[in-house]
Structures are given as C-alpha cells and as structure tokens.
C-alpha cells in the first residue's frame, strides 16, 4: 500500500499535478498574491461569528449611556403623508389655527434623490419639533390638480407654507447637505 505524502510547498503540489487550495490559489489556477484578497474564502470561514470582547461592550455601553443623557427630544420625526387634496386642506387649516408653519416634501417613489433626502428631512423635523410640522406628498398617489395647485415642477421640492399660502420653496436636485442648508435658511427666515 503506497502512502501519498503531501508536498511541503503548495507550488510543489501544483508542479506534481495535484490541486492545492491555499491563499491565492484555486485548483491549479494561480492567483497573484496581490489579488489574493479578491478570491472568495471558503464558506466555513464566513460562518464564524465572534462575540464582542469586554472592551468593545464596555465602550459601546458608555457611548449609549452618554447618548441617552445628551438627547432631550426625538432623534427623528416621521414625515406624515398627505394623500388627497382634502387632507392637505385639513392640514393647512389646522396649522393656521395653531399659527404653525408647515414644510411639505413633494416626492415620488421612483425618485432617487427624493428617497435619499427624506430621512435627512426626518432628522431636521426632530430639530424643529413641535414648532414646525413636516409632511410628505407622493406626487404619483395624489391628483395632478393638487400638484398644480402647489406649483410643483421639479422633485424633490420642499415647500414652506404659512397661513395656507406657499411662502418659499427649495428644489432639491443638488447635494443633500446643500439642500438641508437651504431648507434651514428658509425655515429660519420664516421664524
């Protein structure tokens, strides 16, 4: 009975005609060492999960405790959806009674910039909560008459309404941090 001995070097295994699996090698195909990071590791390696160490857990707990003591209001406020012209009229009348301005985000579900901007506006809404109310309108789910009434021509469009009248608007077609600065400036001018 002949016993096969494994070659000491993986290169020797390939030279001997055997397939070797090692870092940077798959079968007999040799991957250069600098591209070895691109090769997929075996699935058994991907399934290993390590629990957080004691130092990580302690720092994470301290950071969470610090966040709880620093935060006073909500971190974000969900934008309330408006789905009809009657609902917009109700919101405007309610805001006029309470003497509160409202911010409307006119968006579409297919608009990438709108989707990206919405969470940022939800964080901004938390900063101004409850002095200003924030709403969103999906232009695909409301009548075109309502979109025309608001004068929306591009999306995302952020409008400031006060006393049932549109006071100002920001078209959000550029970088989100610039849009957020413009929205802040628009709100500060109203207050």
N, C-alpha and C. Protein backbone atom coordinates (compact mmCIF):
# COMPACT_ATOMS: atom_id res chain seq x y z
N UNK A 1 0.85 -1.17 0.00
CA UNK A 1 0.00 0.00 0.00
C UNK A 1 0.89 1.23 0.00
N UNK A 2 0.72 2.06 -1.00
CA UNK A 2 1.56 3.24 -1.11
C UNK A 2 0.86 4.40 -0.44
N UNK A 3 1.57 5.12 0.37
CA UNK A 3 1.00 6.29 1.03
C UNK A 3 1.51 7.52 0.32
N UNK A 4 0.60 8.43 0.07
CA UNK A 4 0.98 9.66 -0.60
C UNK A 4 1.36 10.68 0.45
N UNK A 5 2.47 11.29 0.26
CA UNK A 5 2.90 12.32 1.20
C UNK A 5 2.59 13.67 0.58
N UNK A 6 2.13 14.55 1.41
CA UNK A 6 1.78 15.89 0.92
C UNK A 6 3.05 16.69 0.70
N UNK A 7 3.13 17.37 -0.42
CA UNK A 7 4.30 18.20 -0.67
C UNK A 7 4.39 19.31 0.38
N UNK A 8 5.61 19.69 0.68
CA UNK A 8 5.83 20.71 1.69
C UNK A 8 5.36 22.07 1.20
N UNK A 9 5.50 22.37 -0.03
CA UNK A 9 5.14 23.68 -0.58
C UNK A 9 3.98 23.51 -1.53
N UNK A 10 3.03 24.48 -1.51
CA UNK A 10 1.86 24.38 -2.39
C UNK A 10 2.27 24.41 -3.85
N UNK A 11 3.34 25.14 -4.17
CA UNK A 11 3.83 25.19 -5.55
C UNK A 11 4.30 23.82 -6.00
N UNK A 12 4.87 23.05 -5.07
CA UNK A 12 5.30 21.70 -5.41
C UNK A 12 4.10 20.81 -5.70
N UNK A 13 2.97 21.06 -4.99
CA UNK A 13 1.76 20.27 -5.22
C UNK A 13 1.23 20.53 -6.63
N UNK A 14 1.25 21.78 -7.05
CA UNK A 14 0.78 22.10 -8.39
C UNK A 14 1.72 21.51 -9.42
N UNK A 15 3.03 21.58 -9.15
CA UNK A 15 4.00 21.02 -10.08
C UNK A 15 3.84 19.51 -10.18
N UNK A 16 3.41 18.87 -9.06
CA UNK A 16 3.22 17.43 -9.07
C UNK A 16 1.89 17.04 -9.70
N UNK A 17 1.06 18.03 -10.09
CA UNK A 17 -0.21 17.72 -10.74
C UNK A 17 -1.36 17.62 -9.77
N UNK A 18 -1.14 17.87 -8.49
CA UNK A 18 -2.22 17.80 -7.51
C UNK A 18 -2.86 19.19 -7.40
N UNK A 19 -4.12 19.20 -7.04
CA UNK A 19 -4.75 20.51 -6.84
C UNK A 19 -4.53 20.92 -5.39
N UNK A 20 -4.15 22.15 -5.23
CA UNK A 20 -3.89 22.65 -3.87
C UNK A 20 -4.77 23.86 -3.63
N UNK A 21 -5.34 23.94 -2.45
CA UNK A 21 -6.12 25.10 -2.06
C UNK A 21 -5.35 25.84 -0.99
N UNK A 22 -4.97 27.03 -1.29
CA UNK A 22 -4.32 27.87 -0.31
C UNK A 22 -4.64 29.31 -0.65
N UNK A 23 -4.18 30.21 0.16
CA UNK A 23 -4.46 31.62 -0.07
C UNK A 23 -3.89 32.03 -1.43
N UNK A 24 -4.76 32.53 -2.28
CA UNK A 24 -4.32 32.98 -3.59
C UNK A 24 -4.35 31.90 -4.64
N UNK A 25 -4.80 30.70 -4.31
CA UNK A 25 -4.83 29.62 -5.29
C UNK A 25 -6.20 28.95 -5.27
N UNK A 26 -6.69 28.62 -6.45
CA UNK A 26 -7.91 27.86 -6.59
C UNK A 26 -7.62 26.77 -7.60
N UNK A 27 -7.61 25.53 -7.15
CA UNK A 27 -7.28 24.42 -8.04
C UNK A 27 -5.86 24.60 -8.55
N UNK A 28 -5.67 24.48 -9.84
CA UNK A 28 -4.34 24.65 -10.41
C UNK A 28 -4.15 26.05 -10.97
N UNK A 29 -5.20 26.89 -10.88
CA UNK A 29 -5.11 28.27 -11.35
C UNK A 29 -4.43 29.11 -10.28
N UNK A 30 -3.36 29.75 -10.63
CA UNK A 30 -2.61 30.53 -9.66
C UNK A 30 -3.04 32.00 -9.75
N UNK A 31 -3.45 32.56 -8.60
CA UNK A 31 -3.84 33.96 -8.50
C UNK A 31 -2.65 34.71 -7.91
N UNK A 32 -2.21 35.78 -8.51
CA UNK A 32 -1.09 36.53 -7.94
C UNK A 32 -1.40 36.96 -6.51
N UNK A 33 -0.39 37.00 -5.64
CA UNK A 33 -0.62 37.32 -4.22
C UNK A 33 -1.34 38.65 -4.00
N UNK A 34 -1.07 39.66 -4.82
CA UNK A 34 -1.73 40.95 -4.60
C UNK A 34 -3.22 40.89 -4.91
N UNK A 35 -3.67 39.90 -5.69
CA UNK A 35 -5.09 39.74 -5.99
C UNK A 35 -5.73 38.66 -5.13
N UNK A 36 -4.97 38.10 -4.22
CA UNK A 36 -5.49 37.05 -3.35
C UNK A 36 -6.65 37.53 -2.50
N UNK A 37 -6.71 38.82 -2.19
CA UNK A 37 -7.81 39.33 -1.38
C UNK A 37 -9.12 39.31 -2.13
N UNK A 38 -9.05 39.22 -3.46
CA UNK A 38 -10.27 39.20 -4.25
C UNK A 38 -10.87 37.80 -4.36
N UNK A 39 -10.09 36.80 -4.04
CA UNK A 39 -10.65 35.45 -4.12
C UNK A 39 -11.56 35.21 -2.93
N UNK A 40 -12.60 34.45 -3.15
CA UNK A 40 -13.62 34.22 -2.14
C UNK A 40 -13.13 33.17 -1.13
N UNK A 41 -13.18 33.47 0.17
CA UNK A 41 -12.77 32.48 1.15
C UNK A 41 -13.79 31.35 1.23
N UNK A 42 -13.38 30.20 1.75
CA UNK A 42 -14.33 29.09 1.88
C UNK A 42 -15.52 29.49 2.76
N UNK A 43 -16.68 28.88 2.50
CA UNK A 43 -17.90 29.24 3.21
C UNK A 43 -17.80 28.98 4.71
N UNK A 44 -17.00 28.00 5.11
CA UNK A 44 -16.90 27.71 6.54
C UNK A 44 -16.27 28.87 7.30
N UNK A 45 -15.45 29.65 6.64
CA UNK A 45 -14.84 30.81 7.30
C UNK A 45 -15.86 31.92 7.49
N UNK A 46 -16.76 32.08 6.55
CA UNK A 46 -17.73 33.16 6.61
C UNK A 46 -18.76 32.95 7.71
N UNK A 47 -18.95 31.72 8.16
CA UNK A 47 -19.96 31.41 9.16
C UNK A 47 -19.47 31.66 10.58
N UNK A 48 -18.22 31.97 10.78
CA UNK A 48 -17.69 32.17 12.12
C UNK A 48 -18.01 33.59 12.59
N UNK A 49 -18.70 33.69 13.71
CA UNK A 49 -19.02 34.99 14.29
C UNK A 49 -18.42 35.04 15.69
N UNK A 50 -17.72 36.10 15.98
CA UNK A 50 -17.11 36.25 17.29
C UNK A 50 -17.93 37.20 18.14
N UNK A 51 -18.14 36.86 19.42
CA UNK A 51 -18.87 37.77 20.29
C UNK A 51 -18.01 39.00 20.58
N UNK A 52 -18.65 40.13 20.89
CA UNK A 52 -17.86 41.32 21.19
C UNK A 52 -17.03 41.11 22.45
N UNK A 53 -15.83 41.59 22.41
CA UNK A 53 -14.94 41.46 23.56
C UNK A 53 -15.37 42.37 24.69
N UNK A 54 -14.79 42.21 25.88
CA UNK A 54 -15.21 43.00 27.03
C UNK A 54 -14.93 44.50 26.84
N UNK A 55 -13.85 44.84 26.14
CA UNK A 55 -13.56 46.27 25.93
C UNK A 55 -14.58 46.90 25.00
N UNK A 56 -14.94 46.18 23.94
CA UNK A 56 -15.93 46.70 23.00
C UNK A 56 -17.28 46.90 23.67
N UNK A 57 -17.70 45.93 24.46
CA UNK A 57 -19.00 46.01 25.12
C UNK A 57 -19.02 47.18 26.10
N UNK A 58 -17.94 47.40 26.82
CA UNK A 58 -17.88 48.49 27.80
C UNK A 58 -17.94 49.85 27.11
N UNK A 59 -17.20 50.02 26.01
CA UNK A 59 -17.21 51.31 25.32
C UNK A 59 -18.55 51.56 24.65
N UNK A 60 -19.17 50.51 24.11
CA UNK A 60 -20.48 50.67 23.48
C UNK A 60 -21.53 51.05 24.52
N UNK A 61 -21.46 50.44 25.70
CA UNK A 61 -22.42 50.76 26.76
C UNK A 61 -22.23 52.19 27.25
N UNK A 62 -20.98 52.63 27.36
CA UNK A 62 -20.71 54.00 27.80
C UNK A 62 -21.21 55.01 26.76
N UNK A 63 -21.01 54.71 25.49
CA UNK A 63 -21.48 55.60 24.43
C UNK A 63 -23.00 55.67 24.42
N UNK A 64 -23.67 54.54 24.62
CA UNK A 64 -25.14 54.53 24.64
C UNK A 64 -25.66 55.32 25.83
N UNK A 65 -25.01 55.18 26.98
CA UNK A 65 -25.41 55.92 28.18
C UNK A 65 -25.25 57.42 27.95
N UNK A 66 -24.15 57.81 27.30
CA UNK A 66 -23.90 59.21 27.01
C UNK A 66 -24.95 59.78 26.06
N UNK A 67 -25.35 58.99 25.04
CA UNK A 67 -26.36 59.44 24.09
C UNK A 67 -27.70 59.66 24.79
N UNK A 68 -28.04 58.79 25.72
CA UNK A 68 -29.32 58.89 26.41
C UNK A 68 -29.35 60.15 27.27
N UNK A 69 -28.24 60.49 27.92
CA UNK A 69 -28.24 61.67 28.77
C UNK A 69 -28.21 62.97 27.96
N UNK A 70 -27.59 62.96 26.78
CA UNK A 70 -27.48 64.16 25.97
C UNK A 70 -28.78 64.47 25.24
N UNK A 71 -29.45 63.45 24.70
CA UNK A 71 -30.65 63.65 23.89
C UNK A 71 -31.83 64.05 24.76
N UNK A 72 -32.55 65.07 24.29
CA UNK A 72 -33.74 65.51 25.01
C UNK A 72 -35.00 65.21 24.22
N UNK A 73 -34.98 65.52 22.92
CA UNK A 73 -36.15 65.29 22.07
C UNK A 73 -35.95 64.05 21.22
N UNK A 74 -36.88 63.84 20.30
CA UNK A 74 -36.74 62.67 19.41
C UNK A 74 -35.56 62.86 18.46
N UNK A 75 -35.00 61.74 18.03
CA UNK A 75 -33.89 61.78 17.09
C UNK A 75 -34.38 62.08 15.68
N UNK A 76 -35.56 61.60 15.35
CA UNK A 76 -36.17 61.87 14.05
C UNK A 76 -37.68 61.82 14.20
N UNK A 77 -38.37 62.52 13.34
CA UNK A 77 -39.83 62.55 13.33
C UNK A 77 -40.27 62.14 11.94
N UNK A 78 -41.10 61.12 11.87
CA UNK A 78 -41.55 60.62 10.57
C UNK A 78 -42.42 61.67 9.89
N UNK A 79 -42.19 61.88 8.61
CA UNK A 79 -43.00 62.82 7.84
C UNK A 79 -44.38 62.22 7.62
N UNK A 80 -45.40 62.96 8.00
CA UNK A 80 -46.77 62.46 7.84
C UNK A 80 -47.17 62.55 6.37
N UNK A 81 -47.70 61.47 5.82
CA UNK A 81 -48.09 61.51 4.40
C UNK A 81 -49.41 62.24 4.18
N UNK A 82 -49.50 62.92 3.06
CA UNK A 82 -50.74 63.56 2.63
C UNK A 82 -51.14 62.87 1.33
N UNK A 83 -52.37 62.33 1.31
CA UNK A 83 -52.77 61.51 0.17
C UNK A 83 -53.89 62.11 -0.68
N UNK A 84 -54.43 63.27 -0.26
CA UNK A 84 -55.52 63.85 -1.05
C UNK A 84 -55.57 65.36 -0.85
N UNK A 85 -56.35 66.02 -1.69
CA UNK A 85 -56.50 67.47 -1.60
C UNK A 85 -57.23 67.86 -0.32
N UNK A 86 -58.22 67.05 0.07
CA UNK A 86 -58.95 67.32 1.32
C UNK A 86 -58.02 67.22 2.52
N UNK A 87 -57.13 66.26 2.50
CA UNK A 87 -56.19 66.09 3.60
C UNK A 87 -55.23 67.30 3.67
N UNK A 88 -54.78 67.80 2.54
CA UNK A 88 -53.92 68.99 2.54
C UNK A 88 -54.68 70.19 3.08
N UNK A 89 -55.95 70.36 2.67
CA UNK A 89 -56.76 71.47 3.18
C UNK A 89 -56.93 71.37 4.69
N UNK A 90 -57.16 70.16 5.19
CA UNK A 90 -57.31 69.96 6.63
C UNK A 90 -56.03 70.32 7.37
N UNK A 91 -54.87 69.87 6.84
CA UNK A 91 -53.58 70.16 7.46
C UNK A 91 -53.30 71.65 7.46
N UNK A 92 -53.59 72.33 6.35
CA UNK A 92 -53.36 73.78 6.26
C UNK A 92 -54.26 74.55 7.23
N UNK A 93 -55.52 74.13 7.34
CA UNK A 93 -56.45 74.80 8.26
C UNK A 93 -56.01 74.59 9.71
N UNK A 94 -55.60 73.40 10.04
CA UNK A 94 -55.14 73.09 11.39
C UNK A 94 -53.88 73.89 11.73
N UNK A 95 -52.96 73.99 10.80
CA UNK A 95 -51.73 74.75 11.01
C UNK A 95 -52.04 76.24 11.16
N UNK A 96 -53.02 76.73 10.42
CA UNK A 96 -53.40 78.14 10.51
C UNK A 96 -54.03 78.44 11.87
N UNK A 97 -54.86 77.52 12.38
CA UNK A 97 -55.46 77.68 13.70
C UNK A 97 -54.39 77.73 14.79
N UNK A 98 -53.39 76.86 14.69
CA UNK A 98 -52.33 76.79 15.70
C UNK A 98 -51.21 77.80 15.44
N UNK A 99 -51.32 78.54 14.35
CA UNK A 99 -50.31 79.52 13.93
C UNK A 99 -48.92 78.85 13.81
N UNK A 100 -48.92 77.70 13.13
CA UNK A 100 -47.68 76.95 12.89
C UNK A 100 -47.40 76.89 11.39
N UNK A 101 -46.15 77.09 11.00
CA UNK A 101 -45.81 76.84 9.59
C UNK A 101 -45.66 75.34 9.36
N UNK A 102 -45.82 74.92 8.13
CA UNK A 102 -45.60 73.52 7.79
C UNK A 102 -44.60 73.45 6.63
N UNK A 103 -43.91 72.32 6.58
CA UNK A 103 -42.96 72.04 5.50
C UNK A 103 -43.49 70.83 4.75
N UNK A 104 -43.62 70.97 3.44
CA UNK A 104 -44.10 69.87 2.59
C UNK A 104 -42.97 69.38 1.70
N UNK A 105 -42.74 68.08 1.72
CA UNK A 105 -41.79 67.45 0.79
C UNK A 105 -42.62 66.82 -0.32
N UNK A 106 -42.46 67.33 -1.53
CA UNK A 106 -43.11 66.76 -2.69
C UNK A 106 -42.12 65.80 -3.31
N UNK A 107 -42.49 64.52 -3.37
CA UNK A 107 -41.56 63.49 -3.82
C UNK A 107 -42.27 62.45 -4.66
N UNK A 108 -41.48 61.53 -5.22
CA UNK A 108 -42.02 60.39 -5.95
C UNK A 108 -41.29 59.15 -5.48
N UNK A 109 -41.96 58.04 -5.50
CA UNK A 109 -41.35 56.79 -5.02
C UNK A 109 -40.22 56.32 -5.93
N UNK A 110 -40.20 56.77 -7.17
CA UNK A 110 -39.15 56.36 -8.11
C UNK A 110 -37.97 57.32 -8.13
N UNK A 111 -38.08 58.45 -7.43
CA UNK A 111 -37.05 59.49 -7.46
C UNK A 111 -35.96 59.18 -6.43
N UNK A 112 -34.77 58.89 -6.91
CA UNK A 112 -33.66 58.50 -6.02
C UNK A 112 -33.28 59.64 -5.06
N UNK A 113 -33.21 60.86 -5.56
CA UNK A 113 -32.85 61.99 -4.69
C UNK A 113 -33.92 62.23 -3.62
N UNK A 114 -35.18 62.01 -3.98
CA UNK A 114 -36.27 62.16 -3.00
C UNK A 114 -36.14 61.14 -1.88
N UNK A 115 -35.87 59.91 -2.25
CA UNK A 115 -35.74 58.84 -1.27
C UNK A 115 -34.54 59.10 -0.37
N UNK A 116 -33.47 59.61 -0.93
CA UNK A 116 -32.26 59.89 -0.16
C UNK A 116 -32.46 61.09 0.77
N UNK A 117 -33.27 62.04 0.37
CA UNK A 117 -33.47 63.26 1.14
C UNK A 117 -34.47 63.09 2.29
N UNK A 118 -35.41 62.17 2.15
CA UNK A 118 -36.47 62.02 3.15
C UNK A 118 -35.93 61.75 4.56
N UNK A 119 -35.01 60.82 4.79
CA UNK A 119 -34.52 60.61 6.16
C UNK A 119 -33.80 61.83 6.72
N UNK A 120 -33.15 62.58 5.87
CA UNK A 120 -32.48 63.80 6.34
C UNK A 120 -33.50 64.84 6.78
N UNK A 121 -34.61 64.92 6.08
CA UNK A 121 -35.68 65.83 6.49
C UNK A 121 -36.35 65.34 7.78
N UNK A 122 -36.41 64.03 7.98
CA UNK A 122 -36.98 63.50 9.22
C UNK A 122 -36.11 63.89 10.42
N UNK A 123 -34.79 63.90 10.25
CA UNK A 123 -33.91 64.37 11.32
C UNK A 123 -34.07 65.87 11.55
N UNK A 124 -34.22 66.61 10.46
CA UNK A 124 -34.44 68.05 10.58
C UNK A 124 -35.77 68.33 11.28
N UNK A 125 -36.78 67.53 10.99
CA UNK A 125 -38.09 67.69 11.62
C UNK A 125 -37.98 67.52 13.13
N UNK A 126 -37.09 66.66 13.58
CA UNK A 126 -36.89 66.46 15.02
C UNK A 126 -36.30 67.72 15.66
N UNK A 127 -35.45 68.43 14.93
CA UNK A 127 -34.87 69.66 15.46
C UNK A 127 -35.92 70.74 15.67
N UNK A 128 -36.91 70.81 14.79
CA UNK A 128 -37.91 71.87 14.84
C UNK A 128 -39.23 71.41 15.46
N UNK A 129 -39.26 70.17 15.95
CA UNK A 129 -40.48 69.62 16.55
C UNK A 129 -40.69 70.27 17.92
N UNK A 130 -41.83 70.73 18.30
CA UNK A 130 -43.14 70.76 17.65
C UNK A 130 -43.47 72.12 17.03
N UNK A 131 -42.50 73.02 16.88
CA UNK A 131 -42.77 74.37 16.36
C UNK A 131 -43.18 74.35 14.90
N UNK A 132 -42.67 73.38 14.13
CA UNK A 132 -42.99 73.28 12.70
C UNK A 132 -43.35 71.83 12.41
N UNK A 133 -44.38 71.64 11.62
CA UNK A 133 -44.78 70.28 11.25
C UNK A 133 -44.30 69.97 9.83
N UNK A 134 -43.88 68.73 9.65
CA UNK A 134 -43.34 68.28 8.36
C UNK A 134 -44.25 67.21 7.77
N UNK A 135 -44.52 67.31 6.48
CA UNK A 135 -45.38 66.36 5.76
C UNK A 135 -44.72 65.99 4.44
N UNK A 136 -45.15 64.86 3.88
CA UNK A 136 -44.66 64.48 2.55
C UNK A 136 -45.85 64.12 1.66
N UNK A 137 -45.69 64.43 0.39
CA UNK A 137 -46.73 64.14 -0.59
C UNK A 137 -46.08 63.38 -1.73
N UNK A 138 -46.61 62.18 -2.01
CA UNK A 138 -46.13 61.40 -3.16
C UNK A 138 -46.94 61.84 -4.38
N UNK A 139 -46.27 62.46 -5.33
CA UNK A 139 -46.99 63.04 -6.48
C UNK A 139 -47.67 61.98 -7.33
N UNK A 140 -47.26 60.74 -7.22
CA UNK A 140 -47.89 59.67 -8.01
C UNK A 140 -49.18 59.18 -7.39
N UNK A 141 -49.43 59.50 -6.12
CA UNK A 141 -50.63 59.00 -5.46
C UNK A 141 -51.67 60.09 -5.19
N UNK A 142 -51.41 61.31 -5.63
CA UNK A 142 -52.39 62.39 -5.46
C UNK A 142 -52.82 62.89 -6.83
N UNK A 143 -53.96 63.56 -6.89
CA UNK A 143 -54.41 64.08 -8.20
C UNK A 143 -53.46 65.16 -8.73
N UNK A 144 -53.35 65.23 -10.03
CA UNK A 144 -52.49 66.22 -10.67
C UNK A 144 -52.93 67.64 -10.32
N UNK A 145 -54.20 67.82 -10.05
CA UNK A 145 -54.74 69.12 -9.67
C UNK A 145 -54.05 69.66 -8.41
N UNK A 146 -53.79 68.77 -7.46
CA UNK A 146 -53.12 69.16 -6.22
C UNK A 146 -51.66 69.56 -6.48
N UNK A 147 -50.99 68.82 -7.34
CA UNK A 147 -49.60 69.11 -7.68
C UNK A 147 -49.53 70.47 -8.38
N UNK A 148 -50.47 70.73 -9.29
CA UNK A 148 -50.52 72.02 -9.99
C UNK A 148 -50.83 73.16 -9.02
N UNK A 149 -51.73 72.91 -8.09
CA UNK A 149 -52.11 73.93 -7.09
C UNK A 149 -50.90 74.38 -6.27
N UNK A 150 -50.02 73.45 -5.95
CA UNK A 150 -48.84 73.77 -5.15
C UNK A 150 -47.72 74.35 -6.01
N UNK A 151 -47.85 74.26 -7.32
CA UNK A 151 -46.83 74.81 -8.21
C UNK A 151 -45.57 73.97 -8.26
N UNK A 152 -45.70 72.67 -8.08
CA UNK A 152 -44.54 71.77 -8.11
C UNK A 152 -44.19 71.46 -9.56
N UNK A 153 -42.95 71.76 -9.93
CA UNK A 153 -42.49 71.48 -11.29
C UNK A 153 -41.33 70.51 -11.32
N UNK A 154 -40.56 70.44 -10.22
CA UNK A 154 -39.41 69.53 -10.14
C UNK A 154 -39.43 68.83 -8.79
N UNK A 155 -38.74 67.70 -8.72
CA UNK A 155 -38.68 66.96 -7.47
C UNK A 155 -37.23 66.61 -7.14
N UNK A 156 -36.91 66.49 -5.88
CA UNK A 156 -37.75 66.78 -4.73
C UNK A 156 -37.94 68.28 -4.56
N UNK A 157 -39.11 68.64 -4.09
CA UNK A 157 -39.44 70.04 -3.86
C UNK A 157 -39.87 70.17 -2.40
N UNK A 158 -39.19 71.03 -1.66
CA UNK A 158 -39.51 71.25 -0.25
C UNK A 158 -40.10 72.65 -0.15
N UNK A 159 -41.35 72.71 0.31
CA UNK A 159 -42.06 73.99 0.38
C UNK A 159 -42.38 74.34 1.82
N UNK A 160 -42.32 75.63 2.13
CA UNK A 160 -42.72 76.15 3.42
C UNK A 160 -44.05 76.86 3.24
N UNK A 161 -45.06 76.43 4.00
CA UNK A 161 -46.39 77.01 3.93
C UNK A 161 -46.72 77.67 5.27
N UNK A 162 -47.30 78.84 5.20
CA UNK A 162 -47.74 79.54 6.40
C UNK A 162 -49.01 80.30 6.04
N UNK A 163 -50.00 80.29 6.94
CA UNK A 163 -51.29 80.96 6.69
C UNK A 163 -51.93 80.45 5.40
N UNK A 164 -51.84 79.17 5.16
CA UNK A 164 -52.42 78.49 3.99
C UNK A 164 -51.87 78.98 2.66
N UNK A 165 -50.71 79.61 2.69
CA UNK A 165 -50.08 80.09 1.47
C UNK A 165 -48.64 79.58 1.39
N UNK A 166 -48.20 79.28 0.18
CA UNK A 166 -46.81 78.88 -0.02
C UNK A 166 -45.93 80.12 0.13
N UNK A 167 -44.98 80.05 1.06
CA UNK A 167 -44.10 81.18 1.33
C UNK A 167 -42.78 81.08 0.56
N UNK A 168 -42.23 79.87 0.51
CA UNK A 168 -40.93 79.68 -0.12
C UNK A 168 -40.78 78.21 -0.51
N UNK A 169 -39.80 77.91 -1.35
CA UNK A 169 -39.54 76.52 -1.72
C UNK A 169 -38.07 76.34 -2.07
N UNK A 170 -37.63 75.09 -1.91
CA UNK A 170 -36.27 74.68 -2.26
C UNK A 170 -36.39 73.48 -3.17
N UNK A 171 -35.73 73.54 -4.31
CA UNK A 171 -35.69 72.39 -5.22
C UNK A 171 -34.44 71.60 -4.86
N UNK A 172 -34.61 70.32 -4.58
CA UNK A 172 -33.51 69.52 -4.06
C UNK A 172 -32.79 68.68 -5.08
N UNK A 173 -32.36 69.26 -6.17
CA UNK A 173 -31.68 68.49 -7.19
C UNK A 173 -30.17 68.43 -7.03
N UNK A 174 -29.61 69.05 -5.99
CA UNK A 174 -28.16 69.05 -5.82
C UNK A 174 -27.78 68.31 -4.55
N UNK A 175 -26.57 68.45 -4.07
CA UNK A 175 -26.07 67.71 -2.90
C UNK A 175 -27.00 67.88 -1.71
N UNK A 176 -27.22 66.80 -0.97
CA UNK A 176 -28.20 66.83 0.12
C UNK A 176 -27.82 67.81 1.22
N UNK A 177 -26.54 67.96 1.52
CA UNK A 177 -26.17 68.88 2.60
C UNK A 177 -26.45 70.33 2.18
N UNK A 178 -26.33 70.62 0.88
CA UNK A 178 -26.68 71.96 0.40
C UNK A 178 -28.19 72.19 0.48
N UNK A 179 -28.95 71.16 0.14
CA UNK A 179 -30.41 71.26 0.21
C UNK A 179 -30.83 71.48 1.66
N UNK A 180 -30.23 70.73 2.59
CA UNK A 180 -30.59 70.87 4.01
C UNK A 180 -30.23 72.26 4.53
N UNK A 181 -29.11 72.80 4.09
CA UNK A 181 -28.75 74.18 4.48
C UNK A 181 -29.77 75.17 3.94
N UNK A 182 -30.20 74.98 2.70
CA UNK A 182 -31.21 75.87 2.11
C UNK A 182 -32.54 75.77 2.86
N UNK A 183 -32.92 74.55 3.25
CA UNK A 183 -34.17 74.36 3.98
C UNK A 183 -34.08 75.03 5.35
N UNK A 184 -32.94 74.85 6.04
CA UNK A 184 -32.75 75.52 7.34
C UNK A 184 -32.86 77.04 7.20
N UNK A 185 -32.19 77.57 6.18
CA UNK A 185 -32.23 79.00 5.94
C UNK A 185 -33.67 79.47 5.66
N UNK A 186 -34.40 78.68 4.89
CA UNK A 186 -35.78 79.01 4.57
C UNK A 186 -36.63 79.04 5.86
N UNK A 187 -36.44 78.06 6.73
CA UNK A 187 -37.20 77.99 7.98
C UNK A 187 -36.81 79.14 8.91
N UNK A 188 -35.53 79.42 9.02
CA UNK A 188 -35.07 80.49 9.91
C UNK A 188 -35.60 81.85 9.46
N UNK A 189 -35.73 82.07 8.17
CA UNK A 189 -36.28 83.34 7.68
C UNK A 189 -37.74 83.49 8.05
N UNK A 190 -38.46 82.35 8.12
CA UNK A 190 -39.88 82.40 8.46
C UNK A 190 -40.10 82.67 9.94
N UNK A 191 -39.22 82.13 10.79
CA UNK A 191 -39.42 82.24 12.24
C UNK A 191 -39.10 83.59 12.79
